[in-house]
Amino acid sequence: MTKIGIIICGRYQTCGGGKCLRALKNHEGGFATYPKEEDLELVGFSYCGGCPGGNIEYVPAEMKKNGVDVIHFATGMVVGYPPCPRIRQFKEFIETHYEIPVVLGTHPIPMKYLNTHNKLSFWNTAYREKLIAHLLNEKKEIMLAYD
């Protein structure tokens, strides 16, 4: 069993987490990298604290107390507009300070967001290929289901 923590963007702090939880249950999006037969347990769910991300310093400690194995940054941090400008620094901090791996993305990227982002100049190949390639491997029909 892998114990999962999810951190969402402060803009979405009132989000009920439905898409993230559905993806966790179905091993889709950021959770597709785990074997289907592996149980995933959510042990923490919080938001970054809003810009500039004050909770990033403290929330992982609570998740670690709950036995977290990996923290996922919600897909909204990746493709919300604008995407989180500090996502790389947050990832590096948590992985260095807490020694907890961080995965970018929870639910699949909704197709409507992907279509728009593909037209934006900052949505460059290096970012896509290095940080979120696993989210772009999802089947088109599944991405459409998250629109």
Foldseek 3Di string as FASTA:
>chain_A
DAEEAEEEEPVCQVDPCPQLVVCLLQCAAQSVVDDNPDHYHYQYYGYQNHPPRPCLVPRVVSSVVSVHQAYEYAQCCVQPVVRPPCVVVSQVCCCVVVVHHYAYHGGAAAPVSVVVLVPDPVSDPCCCVPHRVSSVPGDNVRSNVVD
